Structure formats: structure tokens, C-alpha cells
Amino acid sequence: MSNRPRLSVSTWSLHRTLGPVYWDSPAKPSRNPEEPYGPGSTTLLELPAQIAKMGIRTLEICHFHLPSRDITYLKDLCGALNDAGVELFSLLIDDGDITHPEHQARDMEWISGWLETAGALGAKCARVIGGKTADADSLKRSQAAMAELATVGEANGVRLMTENWFGVLSKPEHVHALLDSLDGRLGLCADFGNWKGLNKYDDLAQILPLAESCHAKCSFAAQMQPDTEDYLHCLDLARDAGFAGPYTLIYDGPDDNEWAGVKLERQLVLPYIN
């Protein structure tokens, strides 16, 4: 796996551009298209060529943006990525609770199926939520579950990743404990925007040395008004930590012009990859 700073983008940054979502969850498996963000103007198959024109050659795909898991479609998407010279770094598995006291087995089976899909797509990694149910034993449950999922990922040629997201991994010490327990079999995506409050920068500084990817999420006070001070502080922390992976641009601002938001973030990140 390449370990160099580079620009990347998530399909979430372009969810209005892509339009339909094909939500699928352990509790309600479904592939029926819905349009909460409108009909969209670009298909997932067209996206690799479009981001390549912006000089972005690494992509992360949210699981609910795949319109089909049929092998024919997956091969078409692989072809579109190859033709554009775009690396599929990660499939983002955006649901499932591996620490749920009642539904853990169900959710593990569902996530395992998506790890197989990640392998069929040729994704380098797949990001799995570390656990939504936070209680006294949740970290231990997460450690055991991640060990099982790492095995599934390895069987499919996919590196398992997690993120500082939701209850179990809401503290840097829990992130360290989970990764340490897997002896290098679990990677970390550090998201700039998931942690808030007075300790945000101190907490990020503790996990960024472990990060193999960054979700470089910028906050926007209003349309095209980024919180540049916060964003650059987070980018400085990543650089100081020696981060050498994809800076995945996460645009989640109020302006519907997502391409403009991605370009704005791109300009802020560029000095950190050169």
C-alpha cells in the first residue's frame, strides 16, 4: 500500500451530485434507490474520470452509493477506476454495530458481506465502525469482533480500518487500546470533524501518529465560508505527526455546489502534500 501524502475524496462529499442512495443496513437490508438529495447529475461510474480531471486520483466510496453489488457492475466500476487512473483506497461501511449486545452476530455477518464486496472491487481497505454501543465491556467486544473481521478482510485482500467515530472510539485511549490489541492488523482513519470540544486538538494529536488515512473534513459557517483556522490547525497536526497517506476531502457544507466545496478544500490541503 502506498504511504505518501496525496489527495483523495469521498463519495459523501458529492452525495448531492451522485443523487440516489441505495441504503443497506443489518436491520433493514435493501437496495432500493431513494433520492433524499435529489436525482443527481453524475453516476458513480462517471465519477473517477471527473475527479481525475481535478488532479485527485484516490477515492473512497460509501457503501450506500453502490447501485449494485452484482459482479458485472463491480467489474464495470473497476474498469472505470482503472481507465481514469484512480485508486480505490477504501470502501466505507457506514452501518453496523459490532458491539451491540443483542445484534452483534447479525451485524458481523452483514459487515463480512461488505468486506467481500470491497475485495471484489479491488479496494485497498474497508472502514468499519468500532462500535456504537458504549458500556463497560464494549471495548473488549470490539477487540474480539475486529479480530474476526480482520481475518475476513485478509481473506479478501482488504486491510481492515476503523475510525475515531461513535461511542466506543470516542476517546484517544480507546483508539490506542483497540489498535494495540490487533497487533497491526487494524488501520486507522483519523477524521478531523468527529471530535469536538476543548480537547479536540489534543485528542487528535494523540491518534494522528497512528493514522493511515485522514478524513480531512472542513467545517463551514455558511455557504463557502470555511473555518480555515480550525482546518489548518488539524492539517498542521497531521503534518507534525508525520502523516503519509491520503487526505480524503470531506465536504459537508451547506452550499449545494459540492464541486466548489471540494475545490476549496483541495486548495487548502495542497501545501501539505507537496
Protein backbone atom coordinates (compact mmCIF):
# COMPACT_ATOMS: atom_id res chain seq x y z
CA MET A 1 0.00 0.00 0.00
CA SER A 2 1.36 3.40 -0.96
CA ASN A 3 2.39 5.51 2.02
CA ARG A 4 2.63 9.02 0.63
CA PRO A 5 0.56 12.13 1.22
CA ARG A 6 -1.95 12.53 -1.60
CA LEU A 7 -5.33 14.00 -2.42
CA SER A 8 -8.40 11.81 -2.11
CA VAL A 9 -12.14 12.38 -1.98
CA SER A 10 -15.10 10.52 -0.51
CA THR A 11 -18.35 9.97 -2.37
CA TRP A 12 -20.04 11.56 0.65
CA SER A 13 -18.53 14.88 -0.43
CA LEU A 14 -20.55 14.53 -3.64
CA HIS A 15 -23.74 12.91 -2.35
CA ARG A 16 -25.95 15.59 -3.91
CA THR A 17 -24.08 15.27 -7.18
CA LEU A 18 -24.50 11.48 -7.15
CA GLY A 19 -28.16 11.72 -6.13
CA PRO A 20 -29.74 8.34 -5.37
CA VAL A 21 -28.62 6.31 -2.38
CA TYR A 22 -29.02 2.56 -2.10
CA TRP A 23 -29.22 2.22 1.64
CA ASP A 24 -28.45 -1.14 3.12
CA SER A 25 -28.24 -1.95 6.83
CA PRO A 26 -28.23 -5.05 9.02
CA ALA A 27 -31.64 -4.19 10.44
CA LYS A 28 -33.20 -3.46 7.06
CA PRO A 29 -31.29 -4.89 4.10
CA SER A 30 -32.38 -3.07 0.96
CA ARG A 31 -31.00 -1.98 -2.39
CA ASN A 32 -33.97 0.13 -3.42
CA PRO A 33 -32.92 3.58 -4.64
CA GLU A 34 -34.03 6.62 -2.67
CA GLU A 35 -33.49 10.28 -3.53
CA PRO A 36 -33.16 12.27 -0.29
CA TYR A 37 -30.69 14.58 -2.04
CA GLY A 38 -32.40 14.76 -5.41
CA PRO A 39 -31.85 12.88 -8.69
CA GLY A 40 -28.17 13.79 -9.05
CA SER A 41 -26.20 14.73 -12.13
CA THR A 42 -23.35 12.19 -12.16
CA THR A 43 -23.24 8.41 -11.85
CA LEU A 44 -20.69 6.54 -9.78
CA LEU A 45 -19.25 5.08 -12.99
CA GLU A 46 -18.62 8.61 -14.29
CA LEU A 47 -17.07 9.89 -11.06
CA PRO A 48 -13.50 8.53 -11.39
CA ALA A 49 -12.87 10.42 -14.64
CA GLN A 50 -14.31 13.61 -13.15
CA ILE A 51 -12.14 13.59 -10.03
CA ALA A 52 -9.08 12.72 -12.12
CA LYS A 53 -9.60 15.97 -14.05
CA MET A 54 -9.17 17.77 -10.71
CA GLY A 55 -5.89 16.00 -10.04
CA ILE A 56 -7.47 13.69 -7.46
CA ARG A 57 -6.55 10.07 -8.10
CA THR A 58 -7.67 8.37 -4.88
CA LEU A 59 -11.29 7.66 -3.98
CA GLU A 60 -13.30 6.36 -1.03
CA ILE A 61 -16.80 5.01 -1.69
CA CYS A 62 -19.63 4.93 0.87
CA HIS A 63 -21.32 1.54 0.77
CA PHE A 64 -24.73 3.09 0.08
CA HIS A 65 -23.51 4.74 -3.11
CA LEU A 66 -23.08 1.38 -4.86
CA PRO A 67 -26.19 0.93 -7.03
CA SER A 68 -25.48 -2.79 -7.41
CA ARG A 69 -23.31 -5.50 -5.88
CA ASP A 70 -23.68 -7.67 -8.97
CA ILE A 71 -20.28 -8.84 -10.20
CA THR A 72 -20.91 -7.35 -13.64
CA TYR A 73 -21.44 -3.88 -12.17
CA LEU A 74 -18.44 -4.23 -9.85
CA LYS A 75 -16.26 -5.11 -12.86
CA ASP A 76 -17.60 -2.07 -14.72
CA LEU A 77 -16.70 0.15 -11.76
CA CYS A 78 -13.23 -1.41 -11.55
CA GLY A 79 -12.84 -0.64 -15.24
CA ALA A 80 -13.89 2.97 -14.77
CA LEU A 81 -11.38 3.38 -11.95
CA ASN A 82 -8.59 1.80 -13.97
CA ASP A 83 -9.37 3.85 -17.08
CA ALA A 84 -9.19 7.07 -15.04
CA GLY A 85 -6.07 6.02 -13.17
CA VAL A 86 -7.88 6.32 -9.85
CA GLU A 87 -7.03 4.20 -6.81
CA LEU A 88 -9.94 2.89 -4.75
CA PHE A 89 -8.45 3.31 -1.31
CA SER A 90 -11.39 2.35 0.88
CA LEU A 91 -14.96 1.14 0.95
CA LEU A 92 -16.66 2.97 3.83
CA ILE A 93 -19.06 0.59 5.57
CA ASP A 94 -21.32 3.15 7.20
CA ASP A 95 -23.56 0.98 9.38
CA GLY A 96 -23.47 -1.99 11.71
CA ASP A 97 -22.68 -2.19 15.43
CA ILE A 98 -20.07 -4.80 16.28
CA THR A 99 -20.59 -4.11 20.00
CA HIS A 100 -24.38 -4.44 20.10
CA PRO A 101 -25.31 -6.79 22.97
CA GLU A 102 -28.18 -8.38 21.02
CA HIS A 103 -27.45 -7.94 17.32
CA GLN A 104 -23.67 -8.31 17.18
CA ALA A 105 -23.71 -11.60 15.24
CA ARG A 106 -26.22 -10.26 12.72
CA ASP A 107 -24.19 -7.10 12.17
CA MET A 108 -20.92 -9.02 11.90
CA GLU A 109 -22.36 -11.20 9.15
CA TRP A 110 -23.61 -8.12 7.30
CA ILE A 111 -20.23 -6.36 7.57
CA SER A 112 -18.43 -9.52 6.44
CA GLY A 113 -20.51 -9.49 3.26
CA TRP A 114 -19.44 -5.92 2.56
CA LEU A 115 -15.78 -6.84 3.14
CA GLU A 116 -16.20 -9.41 0.38
CA THR A 117 -17.63 -6.68 -1.86
CA ALA A 118 -14.66 -4.46 -1.04
CA GLY A 119 -12.37 -7.26 -2.18
CA ALA A 120 -14.30 -7.72 -5.41
CA LEU A 121 -13.86 -4.00 -6.10
CA GLY A 122 -10.13 -4.15 -5.50
CA ALA A 123 -10.34 -1.70 -2.58
CA LYS A 124 -7.13 -1.45 -0.57
CA CYS A 125 -9.09 -1.07 2.69
CA ALA A 126 -12.55 -1.11 4.20
CA ARG A 127 -13.51 1.08 7.14
CA VAL A 128 -15.71 -0.46 9.84
CA ILE A 129 -17.25 1.42 12.78
CA GLY A 130 -15.51 0.47 16.02
CA GLY A 131 -18.80 0.16 17.89
CA LYS A 132 -21.84 2.26 18.64
CA THR A 133 -22.80 0.66 21.96
CA ALA A 134 -20.52 2.06 24.66
CA ASP A 135 -20.62 0.29 28.01
CA ALA A 136 -18.15 -1.27 30.43
CA ASP A 137 -17.44 -4.26 28.17
CA SER A 138 -17.82 -2.69 24.74
CA LEU A 139 -14.11 -2.21 24.08
CA LYS A 140 -13.43 -5.91 24.72
CA ARG A 141 -16.31 -6.85 22.40
CA SER A 142 -14.94 -4.51 19.76
CA GLN A 143 -11.45 -6.03 20.04
CA ALA A 144 -12.76 -9.58 19.59
CA ALA A 145 -15.07 -8.60 16.74
CA MET A 146 -12.37 -6.66 14.89
CA ALA A 147 -10.03 -9.66 15.11
CA GLU A 148 -12.66 -11.79 13.36
CA LEU A 149 -13.34 -9.13 10.73
CA ALA A 150 -9.63 -8.64 10.09
CA THR A 151 -9.47 -12.31 9.15
CA VAL A 152 -12.36 -11.86 6.71
CA GLY A 153 -10.70 -8.80 5.24
CA GLU A 154 -7.36 -10.56 4.82
CA ALA A 155 -9.07 -13.47 3.06
CA ASN A 156 -10.42 -10.95 0.55
CA GLY A 157 -7.23 -8.93 0.12
CA VAL A 158 -8.61 -5.98 2.08
CA ARG A 159 -7.00 -4.21 5.03
CA LEU A 160 -9.45 -3.57 7.86
CA MET A 161 -9.67 0.05 9.05
CA THR A 162 -11.63 1.85 11.72
CA GLU A 163 -12.24 5.50 12.60
CA ASN A 164 -12.49 7.79 15.64
CA TRP A 165 -16.27 7.72 15.34
CA PHE A 166 -19.24 6.80 17.57
CA GLY A 167 -19.26 5.76 21.21
CA VAL A 168 -16.59 3.08 21.60
CA LEU A 169 -13.86 5.12 19.89
CA SER A 170 -14.82 8.48 21.31
CA LYS A 171 -11.58 8.73 23.32
CA PRO A 172 -7.97 8.52 22.09
CA GLU A 173 -7.05 5.95 24.72
CA HIS A 174 -9.74 3.61 23.37
CA VAL A 175 -8.40 4.05 19.83
CA HIS A 176 -4.94 3.08 21.05
CA ALA A 177 -6.25 0.11 23.03
CA LEU A 178 -8.20 -1.26 20.07
CA LEU A 179 -5.37 -0.92 17.58
CA ASP A 180 -2.80 -2.29 20.02
CA SER A 181 -4.92 -5.40 20.58
CA LEU A 182 -4.90 -6.24 16.86
CA ASP A 183 -1.09 -6.21 16.53
CA GLY A 184 -1.02 -4.25 13.27
CA ARG A 185 -3.99 -5.99 11.63
CA LEU A 186 -6.22 -2.92 12.01
CA GLY A 187 -5.58 0.50 10.50
CA LEU A 188 -6.92 3.91 11.48
CA CYS A 189 -8.68 6.66 9.59
CA ALA A 190 -8.46 9.88 11.62
CA ASP A 191 -11.41 12.19 10.98
CA PHE A 192 -10.88 15.89 11.73
CA GLY A 193 -14.56 16.56 12.32
CA ASN A 194 -15.76 13.70 14.51
CA TRP A 195 -14.39 15.05 17.78
CA LYS A 196 -15.49 18.38 19.20
CA GLY A 197 -14.88 20.46 22.30
CA LEU A 198 -11.94 21.90 24.15
CA ASN A 199 -9.84 18.73 23.92
CA LYS A 200 -10.28 18.23 20.17
CA TYR A 201 -6.75 19.15 19.11
CA ASP A 202 -5.04 17.35 21.99
CA ASP A 203 -7.11 14.23 21.29
CA LEU A 204 -6.38 14.32 17.55
CA ALA A 205 -2.68 14.79 18.24
CA GLN A 206 -2.73 11.52 20.21
CA ILE A 207 -4.14 9.43 17.35
CA LEU A 208 -2.73 11.06 14.21
CA PRO A 209 0.63 9.25 14.55
CA LEU A 210 -1.38 6.01 14.12
CA ALA A 211 -3.39 7.18 11.12
CA GLU A 212 -3.07 5.58 7.70
CA SER A 213 -5.70 7.89 6.21
CA CYS A 214 -7.29 11.21 7.13
CA HIS A 215 -10.83 12.35 6.58
CA ALA A 216 -9.91 15.98 6.02
CA LYS A 217 -13.30 17.44 6.91
CA CYS A 218 -13.65 21.22 6.95
CA SER A 219 -16.42 22.98 8.90
CA PHE A 220 -18.39 25.69 7.12
CA ALA A 221 -20.05 28.55 9.00
CA ALA A 222 -22.11 29.46 5.91
CA GLN A 223 -22.04 28.94 2.17
CA MET A 224 -18.40 28.79 1.04
CA GLN A 225 -17.23 30.20 4.38
CA PRO A 226 -14.82 27.59 5.74
CA ASP A 227 -13.48 27.58 9.27
CA THR A 228 -9.97 27.94 7.87
CA GLU A 229 -8.31 28.36 11.26
CA ASP A 230 -9.65 25.03 12.54
CA TYR A 231 -8.91 23.22 9.27
CA LEU A 232 -5.32 24.41 9.03
CA HIS A 233 -4.74 23.57 12.71
CA CYS A 234 -5.86 19.99 12.03
CA LEU A 235 -3.70 19.79 8.91
CA ASP A 236 -0.72 21.08 10.90
CA LEU A 237 -1.30 18.36 13.49
CA ALA A 238 -1.32 15.70 10.77
CA ARG A 239 1.88 17.01 9.22
CA ASP A 240 3.57 17.25 12.63
CA ALA A 241 2.59 13.63 13.28
CA GLY A 242 4.35 12.56 10.09
CA PHE A 243 1.13 11.57 8.35
CA ALA A 244 1.82 9.92 4.99
CA GLY A 245 -1.44 8.78 3.45
CA PRO A 246 -4.48 10.03 1.61
CA TYR A 247 -6.04 13.29 2.73
CA THR A 248 -9.64 12.45 1.84
CA LEU A 249 -11.57 15.65 1.27
CA ILE A 250 -14.90 15.58 3.10
CA TYR A 251 -17.19 18.38 2.01
CA ASP A 252 -20.35 18.57 4.10
CA GLY A 253 -21.15 22.27 3.83
CA PRO A 254 -24.49 23.97 3.25
CA ASP A 255 -23.82 25.01 -0.35
CA ASP A 256 -25.23 22.63 -2.96
CA ASN A 257 -22.25 23.30 -5.22
CA GLU A 258 -20.25 20.37 -3.92
CA TRP A 259 -17.56 20.62 -6.60
CA ALA A 260 -16.82 24.17 -5.45
CA GLY A 261 -16.58 22.99 -1.85
CA VAL A 262 -14.21 20.15 -2.79
CA LYS A 263 -12.05 22.55 -4.82
CA LEU A 264 -11.88 24.95 -1.87
CA GLU A 265 -10.75 22.20 0.49
CA ARG A 266 -8.32 20.94 -2.16
CA GLN A 267 -6.56 24.31 -2.29
CA LEU A 268 -6.18 24.34 1.49
CA VAL A 269 -4.74 20.81 1.58
CA LEU A 270 -2.38 21.08 -1.42
CA PRO A 271 0.51 22.68 0.56
CA TYR A 272 0.51 19.66 2.87
CA ILE A 273 1.10 17.10 0.13
CA ASN A 274 3.87 18.88 -1.75
